[in-house]
N, C-alpha and C. Protein backbone atom coordinates (compact mmCIF):
# COMPACT_ATOMS: atom_id res chain seq x y z
N UNK A 1 31.13 -5.92 20.20
CA UNK A 1 29.56 -6.15 19.38
C UNK A 1 29.96 -7.52 19.56
N UNK A 2 28.43 -8.29 20.48
CA UNK A 2 29.32 -10.05 19.25
C UNK A 2 27.63 -9.43 18.80
N UNK A 3 26.98 -10.52 17.31
CA UNK A 3 26.27 -10.97 17.06
C UNK A 3 25.65 -11.90 16.88
N UNK A 4 25.56 -12.73 17.26
CA UNK A 4 24.75 -14.44 16.28
C UNK A 4 23.72 -14.34 15.30
N UNK A 5 23.30 -13.36 14.60
CA UNK A 5 22.71 -12.95 13.40
C UNK A 5 23.47 -12.33 12.75
N UNK A 6 23.14 -12.24 10.97
CA UNK A 6 23.23 -10.11 10.81
C UNK A 6 22.85 -10.91 9.66
N UNK A 7 22.29 -9.47 8.98
CA UNK A 7 21.72 -9.57 7.63
C UNK A 7 22.32 -9.02 6.49
N UNK A 8 22.84 -9.38 5.90
CA UNK A 8 23.39 -8.02 4.57
C UNK A 8 22.73 -7.53 3.71
N UNK A 9 22.20 -6.19 3.43
CA UNK A 9 21.64 -5.38 2.05
C UNK A 9 22.50 -5.23 1.11
N UNK A 10 21.79 -5.88 0.11
CA UNK A 10 22.63 -5.99 -0.98
C UNK A 10 22.16 -5.20 -2.25
N UNK A 11 21.84 -4.72 -3.39
CA UNK A 11 21.34 -4.37 -3.91
C UNK A 11 20.40 -5.65 -4.78
N UNK A 12 21.09 -6.40 -4.62
CA UNK A 12 19.91 -8.04 -5.43
C UNK A 12 18.87 -8.07 -4.63
N UNK A 13 19.76 -8.27 -3.42
CA UNK A 13 18.67 -8.40 -2.30
C UNK A 13 16.70 -6.44 -2.25
N UNK A 14 17.60 -6.21 -2.69
CA UNK A 14 15.81 -5.00 -2.69
C UNK A 14 15.91 -4.94 -3.21
N UNK A 15 16.19 -5.27 -5.07
CA UNK A 15 15.44 -5.94 -6.34
C UNK A 15 14.42 -6.93 -6.31
N UNK A 16 15.30 -7.29 -5.60
CA UNK A 16 14.53 -9.08 -5.20
C UNK A 16 12.81 -8.62 -4.45
N UNK A 17 12.95 -8.11 -3.61
CA UNK A 17 11.48 -7.67 -3.27
C UNK A 17 10.57 -6.40 -3.35
N UNK A 18 11.50 -5.83 -4.50
CA UNK A 18 11.21 -4.99 -4.88
C UNK A 18 10.21 -5.59 -6.57
N UNK A 19 10.80 -6.18 -7.32
CA UNK A 19 9.94 -7.49 -7.94
C UNK A 19 9.39 -8.41 -7.87
N UNK A 20 9.00 -8.80 -6.97
CA UNK A 20 8.21 -10.13 -6.22
C UNK A 20 7.32 -8.94 -5.67
N UNK A 21 6.94 -7.66 -5.29
CA UNK A 21 6.11 -7.15 -4.83
C UNK A 21 5.35 -6.47 -6.25
N UNK A 22 6.29 -6.42 -7.02
CA UNK A 22 5.82 -5.43 -8.03
C UNK A 22 5.95 -3.48 -8.08
N UNK A 23 7.27 -3.44 -7.46
CA UNK A 23 6.37 -2.55 -6.82
C UNK A 23 7.72 -1.86 -7.97
N UNK A 24 7.05 -0.14 -7.63
CA UNK A 24 8.41 0.47 -9.27
C UNK A 24 9.28 0.68 -8.09
N UNK A 25 10.19 1.06 -8.76
CA UNK A 25 12.24 1.07 -8.36
C UNK A 25 12.60 2.34 -9.02
N UNK A 26 13.98 3.05 -8.09
CA UNK A 26 14.19 3.89 -9.11
C UNK A 26 16.25 3.84 -8.46
N UNK A 27 16.39 3.16 -9.86
CA UNK A 27 18.28 2.81 -9.51
C UNK A 27 18.84 4.16 -10.34
N UNK A 28 20.00 4.10 -8.85
CA UNK A 28 21.14 5.36 -9.51
C UNK A 28 22.45 4.59 -10.31
N UNK A 29 22.24 4.94 -11.46
CA UNK A 29 23.76 4.42 -12.56
C UNK A 29 24.18 5.49 -12.64
N UNK A 30 25.32 5.87 -12.14
CA UNK A 30 26.38 6.43 -13.07
C UNK A 30 25.88 8.29 -12.96
N UNK A 31 25.01 9.29 -12.39
CA UNK A 31 24.66 10.24 -11.34
C UNK A 31 23.36 9.69 -12.21
N UNK A 32 22.49 8.75 -13.24
CA UNK A 32 21.26 9.10 -13.59
C UNK A 32 20.35 8.09 -12.47
N UNK A 33 18.86 8.95 -12.75
CA UNK A 33 17.54 7.79 -11.51
C UNK A 33 17.34 7.32 -13.05
N UNK A 34 17.23 6.00 -13.14
CA UNK A 34 15.67 5.25 -14.07
C UNK A 34 15.05 4.89 -12.91
N UNK A 35 13.89 5.56 -13.52
CA UNK A 35 12.48 4.53 -12.54
C UNK A 35 11.95 3.11 -14.01
N UNK A 36 10.86 2.75 -12.99
CA UNK A 36 10.54 1.29 -13.86
C UNK A 36 10.50 0.75 -12.72
N UNK A 37 10.07 -0.57 -13.56
CA UNK A 37 9.33 -2.10 -12.70
C UNK A 37 10.09 -2.84 -13.42
N UNK A 38 10.87 -3.62 -12.47
CA UNK A 38 11.65 -4.73 -12.67
C UNK A 38 10.96 -5.39 -13.70
N UNK A 39 11.30 -6.42 -14.89
CA UNK A 39 10.50 -7.13 -15.37
C UNK A 39 10.71 -8.56 -15.73
N UNK A 40 12.57 -8.16 -15.06
CA UNK A 40 13.53 -9.95 -15.24
C UNK A 40 14.80 -9.29 -14.76
N UNK A 41 15.49 -10.31 -14.21
CA UNK A 41 16.47 -10.43 -13.38
C UNK A 41 16.68 -11.61 -13.68
N UNK A 42 18.00 -11.65 -13.79
CA UNK A 42 19.04 -12.71 -13.69
C UNK A 42 20.03 -12.02 -12.67
N UNK A 43 21.40 -13.24 -12.91
CA UNK A 43 22.11 -12.85 -12.20
C UNK A 43 23.40 -11.86 -12.28
N UNK A 44 23.28 -10.72 -13.02
CA UNK A 44 23.80 -10.04 -14.04
C UNK A 44 23.12 -8.59 -14.22
N UNK A 45 22.48 -8.82 -14.44
CA UNK A 45 21.10 -7.73 -14.75
C UNK A 45 19.77 -7.45 -14.75
N UNK A 46 18.73 -6.64 -14.42
CA UNK A 46 17.44 -6.28 -14.23
C UNK A 46 17.36 -5.96 -16.12
N UNK A 47 15.90 -5.89 -16.00
CA UNK A 47 15.49 -4.99 -17.14
C UNK A 47 14.17 -3.95 -16.22
N UNK A 48 14.53 -2.80 -16.74
CA UNK A 48 13.42 -2.33 -16.29
C UNK A 48 12.24 -1.63 -17.25
N UNK A 49 10.86 -1.84 -17.00
CA UNK A 49 10.14 -1.01 -17.68
C UNK A 49 9.37 0.32 -17.63
N UNK A 50 10.05 1.37 -18.57
CA UNK A 50 9.52 2.71 -17.73
C UNK A 50 7.57 2.80 -17.78
N UNK A 51 7.25 1.76 -18.46
CA UNK A 51 5.14 2.55 -18.25
C UNK A 51 4.60 2.64 -19.64
N UNK A 52 5.76 3.00 -20.56
CA UNK A 52 6.16 4.07 -21.90
C UNK A 52 6.38 3.51 -23.02
N UNK A 53 6.11 1.91 -22.38
CA UNK A 53 7.35 0.86 -24.05
C UNK A 53 8.64 0.75 -24.34
N UNK A 54 9.59 1.41 -22.52
CA UNK A 54 10.80 1.39 -22.69
C UNK A 54 11.11 0.81 -22.01
N UNK A 55 12.66 -0.15 -22.55
CA UNK A 55 13.16 -0.44 -21.63
C UNK A 55 14.21 -0.99 -21.12
N UNK A 56 15.04 -0.82 -20.51
CA UNK A 56 16.08 -0.75 -20.28
C UNK A 56 16.67 -1.62 -19.71
N UNK A 57 18.48 -2.27 -19.58
CA UNK A 57 18.84 -3.52 -19.64
C UNK A 57 19.73 -3.03 -18.54
N UNK A 58 19.37 -3.55 -16.82
CA UNK A 58 20.92 -2.63 -15.74
C UNK A 58 21.43 -2.94 -15.60
N UNK A 59 23.26 -2.98 -15.75
CA UNK A 59 23.65 -4.49 -14.87
C UNK A 59 23.84 -3.45 -13.27
N UNK A 60 24.07 -5.28 -12.42
CA UNK A 60 23.65 -4.91 -11.59
C UNK A 60 24.95 -4.22 -10.79
N UNK A 61 26.19 -4.25 -11.31
CA UNK A 61 27.10 -4.39 -10.65
C UNK A 61 27.43 -2.37 -10.94
N UNK A 62 26.73 -1.79 -12.14
CA UNK A 62 26.29 -0.63 -12.42
C UNK A 62 25.53 -0.06 -11.42
N UNK A 63 24.20 -0.26 -10.83
CA UNK A 63 23.90 0.46 -9.77
C UNK A 63 24.30 0.73 -8.34
N UNK A 64 23.98 1.73 -7.70
CA UNK A 64 24.90 2.53 -6.96
C UNK A 64 23.51 2.93 -5.91
N UNK A 65 22.60 2.70 -5.78
CA UNK A 65 21.17 2.63 -5.14
C UNK A 65 20.63 2.85 -5.20
N UNK A 66 19.09 1.72 -4.85
CA UNK A 66 17.36 1.67 -4.85
C UNK A 66 17.02 2.16 -4.46
N UNK A 67 15.62 3.19 -4.93
CA UNK A 67 14.94 3.40 -4.03
C UNK A 67 13.86 2.79 -4.24
N UNK A 68 12.98 2.77 -3.81
CA UNK A 68 11.54 2.47 -3.31
C UNK A 68 10.65 2.73 -2.26
N UNK A 69 8.44 2.49 -2.47
CA UNK A 69 7.68 3.22 -1.43
C UNK A 69 7.52 1.66 -0.82
N UNK A 70 8.28 1.79 0.67
CA UNK A 70 8.15 0.62 1.28
C UNK A 70 6.85 0.32 1.49
N UNK A 71 5.89 1.18 1.46
CA UNK A 71 4.43 0.96 1.67
C UNK A 71 3.88 -0.62 0.42
N UNK A 72 4.92 -0.60 -1.05
CA UNK A 72 4.17 -1.09 -2.10
C UNK A 72 5.18 -2.42 -1.68
N UNK A 73 6.65 -2.28 -1.26
CA UNK A 73 6.38 -3.23 -1.35
C UNK A 73 5.69 -3.86 0.46
N UNK A 74 5.78 -3.47 1.27
CA UNK A 74 5.68 -3.93 2.52
C UNK A 74 4.08 -5.14 2.32
N UNK A 75 3.34 -3.70 1.03
CA UNK A 75 0.99 -4.54 1.58
C UNK A 75 1.02 -3.99 2.06
N UNK A 76 -0.21 -4.69 2.72
CA UNK A 76 -0.92 -4.52 4.18
C UNK A 76 -0.72 -5.68 4.69
N UNK A 77 -0.51 -4.64 6.09
CA UNK A 77 0.29 -5.30 6.57
C UNK A 77 -0.96 -6.02 7.70
N UNK A 78 -2.57 -6.34 7.32
CA UNK A 78 -3.07 -6.64 8.59
C UNK A 78 -3.42 -7.64 8.14
N UNK A 79 -2.65 -8.01 6.62
CA UNK A 79 -2.84 -9.70 6.63
C UNK A 79 -2.36 -10.59 7.76
N UNK A 80 -1.28 -9.94 8.11
CA UNK A 80 -0.38 -11.83 8.56
C UNK A 80 0.28 -11.28 9.74
N UNK A 81 0.08 -11.37 11.08
CA UNK A 81 0.95 -10.72 12.39
C UNK A 81 1.96 -11.04 12.27
N UNK A 82 2.94 -10.81 11.89
CA UNK A 82 4.72 -10.59 11.39
C UNK A 82 5.67 -10.28 12.28
N UNK A 83 6.58 -10.00 12.72
CA UNK A 83 7.30 -10.12 13.94
C UNK A 83 7.98 -9.18 12.29
N UNK A 84 8.24 -9.45 11.29
CA UNK A 84 9.48 -8.94 10.71
C UNK A 84 9.15 -7.78 9.56
N UNK A 85 10.23 -6.66 10.16
CA UNK A 85 9.92 -4.89 9.38
C UNK A 85 10.31 -5.41 8.41
N UNK A 86 11.38 -6.07 7.29
CA UNK A 86 11.03 -6.29 6.16
C UNK A 86 9.69 -6.98 4.83
N UNK A 87 9.15 -7.78 4.99
CA UNK A 87 8.20 -8.33 4.52
C UNK A 87 7.52 -9.58 5.42
N UNK A 88 7.25 -9.84 5.27
CA UNK A 88 6.42 -11.47 6.07
C UNK A 88 7.39 -12.93 4.94
N UNK A 89 7.77 -12.37 3.88
CA UNK A 89 8.46 -14.46 3.55
C UNK A 89 9.51 -14.41 3.04
N UNK A 90 10.34 -14.87 2.60
CA UNK A 90 11.58 -14.72 2.98
C UNK A 90 11.81 -14.71 1.35
N UNK A 91 12.77 -14.16 0.56
CA UNK A 91 13.24 -13.54 -0.81
C UNK A 91 14.37 -13.64 -1.31
N UNK A 92 14.39 -14.68 -1.84
CA UNK A 92 16.15 -15.34 -2.65
C UNK A 92 16.63 -13.43 -3.50
N UNK A 93 18.25 -13.49 -2.59
CA UNK A 93 18.45 -12.22 -3.51
C UNK A 93 18.44 -12.58 -5.04
N UNK A 94 19.03 -10.90 -5.43
CA UNK A 94 18.71 -12.00 -7.14
C UNK A 94 20.39 -11.71 -7.22
N UNK A 95 21.57 -12.86 -7.14
CA UNK A 95 22.65 -12.34 -7.34
C UNK A 95 23.96 -11.88 -8.74
N UNK A 96 25.16 -11.68 -8.55
CA UNK A 96 25.49 -11.05 -8.52
C UNK A 96 26.68 -11.97 -9.13
N UNK A 97 26.54 -12.20 -10.28
CA UNK A 97 27.14 -13.15 -10.61
C UNK A 97 29.17 -12.96 -11.59
N UNK A 98 30.10 -13.67 -11.41
CA UNK A 98 31.17 -13.33 -11.70
C UNK A 98 31.78 -12.24 -13.12
N UNK A 99 31.85 -11.06 -12.44
CA UNK A 99 32.50 -10.12 -13.68
C UNK A 99 33.52 -10.06 -14.16
N UNK A 100 33.75 -10.02 -15.77
CA UNK A 100 34.96 -10.10 -16.11
C UNK A 100 35.29 -11.18 -16.19
N UNK A 101 37.00 -10.77 -16.73
CA UNK A 101 38.30 -12.48 -16.48
C UNK A 101 37.93 -13.00 -18.26
N UNK A 102 38.91 -14.08 -19.21
CA UNK A 102 38.29 -14.63 -19.66
C UNK A 102 36.43 -15.61 -19.98
N UNK A 103 35.87 -15.88 -20.50
CA UNK A 103 34.59 -16.83 -20.59
C UNK A 103 35.90 -17.94 -20.98
N UNK A 104 35.02 -19.25 -20.77
CA UNK A 104 35.86 -20.48 -21.06
C UNK A 104 36.63 -20.51 -20.68
N UNK A 105 37.30 -20.00 -19.68
CA UNK A 105 38.78 -20.00 -19.15
C UNK A 105 38.55 -21.39 -17.82
């Protein structure tokens, strides 16, 4: 099979889509689903707000799965006629930085 281009879907890519859209997400972390909206993110983790005054910081390397409503991500499809199935504009992923090792080495 020959391919001239490819798409790499990562936890960070999906989290960035959800954050940009302000969509609620479900994150699977060590067998437990966490629900909320992403209120902050960097290369190592995301801050999830559950809407009830609770926030949790989750490391990207601990997230096994990301779930969200596609309708929340895609928004109003009548706004723009676009062939891209996963959004109308390019969104950069939340990238995971180096994990482990000694700091400052």
